[in-house]
Amino acid sequence: MSPAARARSAHEVKEWTFLTNHAHVLLAIAREPTARLRDVAEAVGITERAAQAIVADLEAAGYLHRERVGRRNEYTINPAGRFRHPAEADRRIGDLLALFTDSRLTGQ
């Protein structure tokens, strides 16, 4: 097998996505603010425990707020939150939400 064919083969096997699991969890919650973490985890393709940890991260960083309503949690997203990476720090997460959800969820 030629070096070019090996390189192509290696790239085809490697799976990756542009968005992190944190972004996927945030988007799942934006789409359904009363979703159970079990359902969020299933939608993202992660364990429920991983979803719990990500929600805790997002809440601690101020990206979302969790409120107990009856037996469920209801989440409110802060669309004014800024991206953490310096390359995107001038952008709001509401901009990302607007790309993937109904824009009324972003406060715009």
C-alpha atoms as a PDB file:
ATOM      1  CA  MET A   1       0.000   0.000   0.000  1.00  0.00           C
ATOM      2  CA  SER A   2       1.375   3.397  -0.975  1.00  0.00           C
ATOM      3  CA  PRO A   3       1.998   6.075   1.703  1.00  0.00           C
ATOM      4  CA  ALA A   4      -0.842   8.169   0.263  1.00  0.00           C
ATOM      5  CA  ALA A   5      -3.272   5.232   0.453  1.00  0.00           C
ATOM      6  CA  ARG A   6      -2.210   4.504   4.054  1.00  0.00           C
ATOM      7  CA  ALA A   7      -2.762   8.152   4.996  1.00  0.00           C
ATOM      8  CA  ARG A   8      -6.219   8.134   3.401  1.00  0.00           C
ATOM      9  CA  SER A   9      -7.088   4.896   5.181  1.00  0.00           C
ATOM     10  CA  ALA A  10      -5.952   6.274   8.553  1.00  0.00           C
ATOM     11  CA  HIS A  11      -8.070   9.404   8.099  1.00  0.00           C
ATOM     12  CA  GLU A  12     -11.156   7.410   7.130  1.00  0.00           C
ATOM     13  CA  VAL A  13     -11.018   5.287  10.298  1.00  0.00           C
ATOM     14  CA  LYS A  14     -10.586   8.204  12.694  1.00  0.00           C
ATOM     15  CA  GLU A  15     -13.914   9.596  13.888  1.00  0.00           C
ATOM     16  CA  TRP A  16     -14.273  13.125  15.204  1.00  0.00           C
ATOM     17  CA  THR A  17     -16.776  15.957  15.273  1.00  0.00           C
ATOM     18  CA  PHE A  18     -16.558  19.736  15.196  1.00  0.00           C
ATOM     19  CA  LEU A  19     -18.596  20.158  18.366  1.00  0.00           C
ATOM     20  CA  THR A  20     -17.639  18.857  21.806  1.00  0.00           C
ATOM     21  CA  ASN A  21     -19.934  16.876  24.052  1.00  0.00           C
ATOM     22  CA  HIS A  22     -20.371  20.052  26.109  1.00  0.00           C
ATOM     23  CA  ALA A  23     -21.786  21.796  23.037  1.00  0.00           C
ATOM     24  CA  HIS A  24     -23.999  18.829  22.196  1.00  0.00           C
ATOM     25  CA  VAL A  25     -25.411  18.723  25.738  1.00  0.00           C
ATOM     26  CA  LEU A  26     -26.053  22.469  25.666  1.00  0.00           C
ATOM     27  CA  LEU A  27     -27.849  22.148  22.327  1.00  0.00           C
ATOM     28  CA  ALA A  28     -29.931  19.196  23.534  1.00  0.00           C
ATOM     29  CA  ILE A  29     -31.018  21.199  26.574  1.00  0.00           C
ATOM     30  CA  ALA A  30     -31.726  24.272  24.449  1.00  0.00           C
ATOM     31  CA  ARG A  31     -34.038  22.161  22.301  1.00  0.00           C
ATOM     32  CA  GLU A  32     -35.794  20.606  25.312  1.00  0.00           C
ATOM     33  CA  PRO A  33     -35.273  22.527  28.587  1.00  0.00           C
ATOM     34  CA  THR A  34     -37.170  19.949  30.653  1.00  0.00           C
ATOM     35  CA  ALA A  35     -35.452  16.874  29.210  1.00  0.00           C
ATOM     36  CA  ARG A  36     -34.255  14.224  31.615  1.00  0.00           C
ATOM     37  CA  LEU A  37     -30.489  13.783  31.682  1.00  0.00           C
ATOM     38  CA  ARG A  38     -31.057  10.199  30.554  1.00  0.00           C
ATOM     39  CA  ASP A  39     -32.627  11.552  27.365  1.00  0.00           C
ATOM     40  CA  VAL A  40     -29.913  14.190  26.906  1.00  0.00           C
ATOM     41  CA  ALA A  41     -27.235  11.515  27.284  1.00  0.00           C
ATOM     42  CA  GLU A  42     -28.950   9.283  24.746  1.00  0.00           C
ATOM     43  CA  ALA A  43     -29.298  12.145  22.248  1.00  0.00           C
ATOM     44  CA  VAL A  44     -25.606  13.014  22.575  1.00  0.00           C
ATOM     45  CA  GLY A  45     -24.348   9.422  22.674  1.00  0.00           C
ATOM     46  CA  ILE A  46     -22.738   9.574  26.117  1.00  0.00           C
ATOM     47  CA  THR A  47     -23.457   8.029  29.503  1.00  0.00           C
ATOM     48  CA  GLU A  48     -25.895   9.611  31.921  1.00  0.00           C
ATOM     49  CA  ARG A  49     -23.025  10.140  34.352  1.00  0.00           C
ATOM     50  CA  ALA A  50     -21.063  12.034  31.674  1.00  0.00           C
ATOM     51  CA  ALA A  51     -24.136  14.172  30.959  1.00  0.00           C
ATOM     52  CA  GLN A  52     -24.445  14.968  34.676  1.00  0.00           C
ATOM     53  CA  ALA A  53     -20.802  16.043  34.820  1.00  0.00           C
ATOM     54  CA  ILE A  54     -21.171  18.225  31.720  1.00  0.00           C
ATOM     55  CA  VAL A  55     -24.328  19.886  33.070  1.00  0.00           C
ATOM     56  CA  ALA A  56     -22.454  20.592  36.324  1.00  0.00           C
ATOM     57  CA  ASP A  57     -19.596  22.152  34.300  1.00  0.00           C
ATOM     58  CA  LEU A  58     -21.995  24.293  32.264  1.00  0.00           C
ATOM     59  CA  GLU A  59     -23.884  25.388  35.357  1.00  0.00           C
ATOM     60  CA  ALA A  60     -20.693  26.252  37.280  1.00  0.00           C
ATOM     61  CA  ALA A  61     -19.462  28.315  34.322  1.00  0.00           C
ATOM     62  CA  GLY A  62     -22.738  30.256  34.145  1.00  0.00           C
ATOM     63  CA  TYR A  63     -23.927  28.894  30.802  1.00  0.00           C
ATOM     64  CA  LEU A  64     -27.105  27.431  32.242  1.00  0.00           C
ATOM     65  CA  HIS A  65     -29.224  27.502  35.376  1.00  0.00           C
ATOM     66  CA  ARG A  66     -31.019  24.478  36.778  1.00  0.00           C
ATOM     67  CA  GLU A  67     -34.284  24.776  38.683  1.00  0.00           C
ATOM     68  CA  ARG A  68     -36.271  21.964  40.237  1.00  0.00           C
ATOM     69  CA  VAL A  69     -39.893  21.956  39.025  1.00  0.00           C
ATOM     70  CA  GLY A  70     -41.841  19.159  40.654  1.00  0.00           C
ATOM     71  CA  ARG A  71     -39.935  15.949  40.050  1.00  0.00           C
ATOM     72  CA  ARG A  72     -37.928  17.310  37.116  1.00  0.00           C
ATOM     73  CA  ASN A  73     -35.250  19.852  36.430  1.00  0.00           C
ATOM     74  CA  GLU A  74     -35.884  22.753  34.110  1.00  0.00           C
ATOM     75  CA  TYR A  75     -32.899  24.457  32.524  1.00  0.00           C
ATOM     76  CA  THR A  76     -32.484  28.055  31.440  1.00  0.00           C
ATOM     77  CA  ILE A  77     -29.586  28.851  29.126  1.00  0.00           C
ATOM     78  CA  ASN A  78     -27.663  32.104  29.338  1.00  0.00           C
ATOM     79  CA  PRO A  79     -27.247  33.047  25.652  1.00  0.00           C
ATOM     80  CA  ALA A  80     -24.964  35.956  26.575  1.00  0.00           C
ATOM     81  CA  GLY A  81     -22.281  33.571  27.837  1.00  0.00           C
ATOM     82  CA  ARG A  82     -19.030  33.875  25.897  1.00  0.00           C
ATOM     83  CA  PHE A  83     -17.044  31.076  24.327  1.00  0.00           C
ATOM     84  CA  ARG A  84     -14.102  30.011  26.468  1.00  0.00           C
ATOM     85  CA  HIS A  85     -11.441  29.666  23.770  1.00  0.00           C
ATOM     86  CA  PRO A  86      -9.598  32.937  23.055  1.00  0.00           C
ATOM     87  CA  ALA A  87     -10.197  32.559  19.306  1.00  0.00           C
ATOM     88  CA  GLU A  88     -13.970  32.786  19.846  1.00  0.00           C
ATOM     89  CA  ALA A  89     -14.133  34.738  23.126  1.00  0.00           C
ATOM     90  CA  ASP A  90     -15.752  37.693  21.357  1.00  0.00           C
ATOM     91  CA  ARG A  91     -18.776  35.527  20.406  1.00  0.00           C
ATOM     92  CA  ARG A  92     -21.788  34.578  22.511  1.00  0.00           C
ATOM     93  CA  ILE A  93     -23.044  31.027  22.848  1.00  0.00           C
ATOM     94  CA  GLY A  94     -26.392  32.388  21.710  1.00  0.00           C
ATOM     95  CA  ASP A  95     -24.800  32.632  18.258  1.00  0.00           C
ATOM     96  CA  LEU A  96     -24.160  28.877  18.288  1.00  0.00           C
ATOM     97  CA  LEU A  97     -27.632  28.123  19.590  1.00  0.00           C
ATOM     98  CA  ALA A  98     -29.136  30.215  16.794  1.00  0.00           C
ATOM     99  CA  LEU A  99     -27.400  28.015  14.219  1.00  0.00           C
ATOM    100  CA  PHE A 100     -28.798  24.774  15.575  1.00  0.00           C
ATOM    101  CA  THR A 101     -32.076  25.658  17.300  1.00  0.00           C
ATOM    102  CA  ASP A 102     -35.086  27.936  16.991  1.00  0.00           C
ATOM    103  CA  SER A 103     -33.567  31.443  17.370  1.00  0.00           C
ATOM    104  CA  ARG A 104     -36.217  32.454  19.935  1.00  0.00           C
ATOM    105  CA  LEU A 105     -34.290  30.311  22.428  1.00  0.00           C
ATOM    106  CA  THR A 106     -31.269  32.579  22.191  1.00  0.00           C
ATOM    107  CA  GLY A 107     -32.934  35.771  23.336  1.00  0.00           C
ATOM    108  CA  GLN A 108     -32.458  37.400  19.929  1.00  0.00           C
END
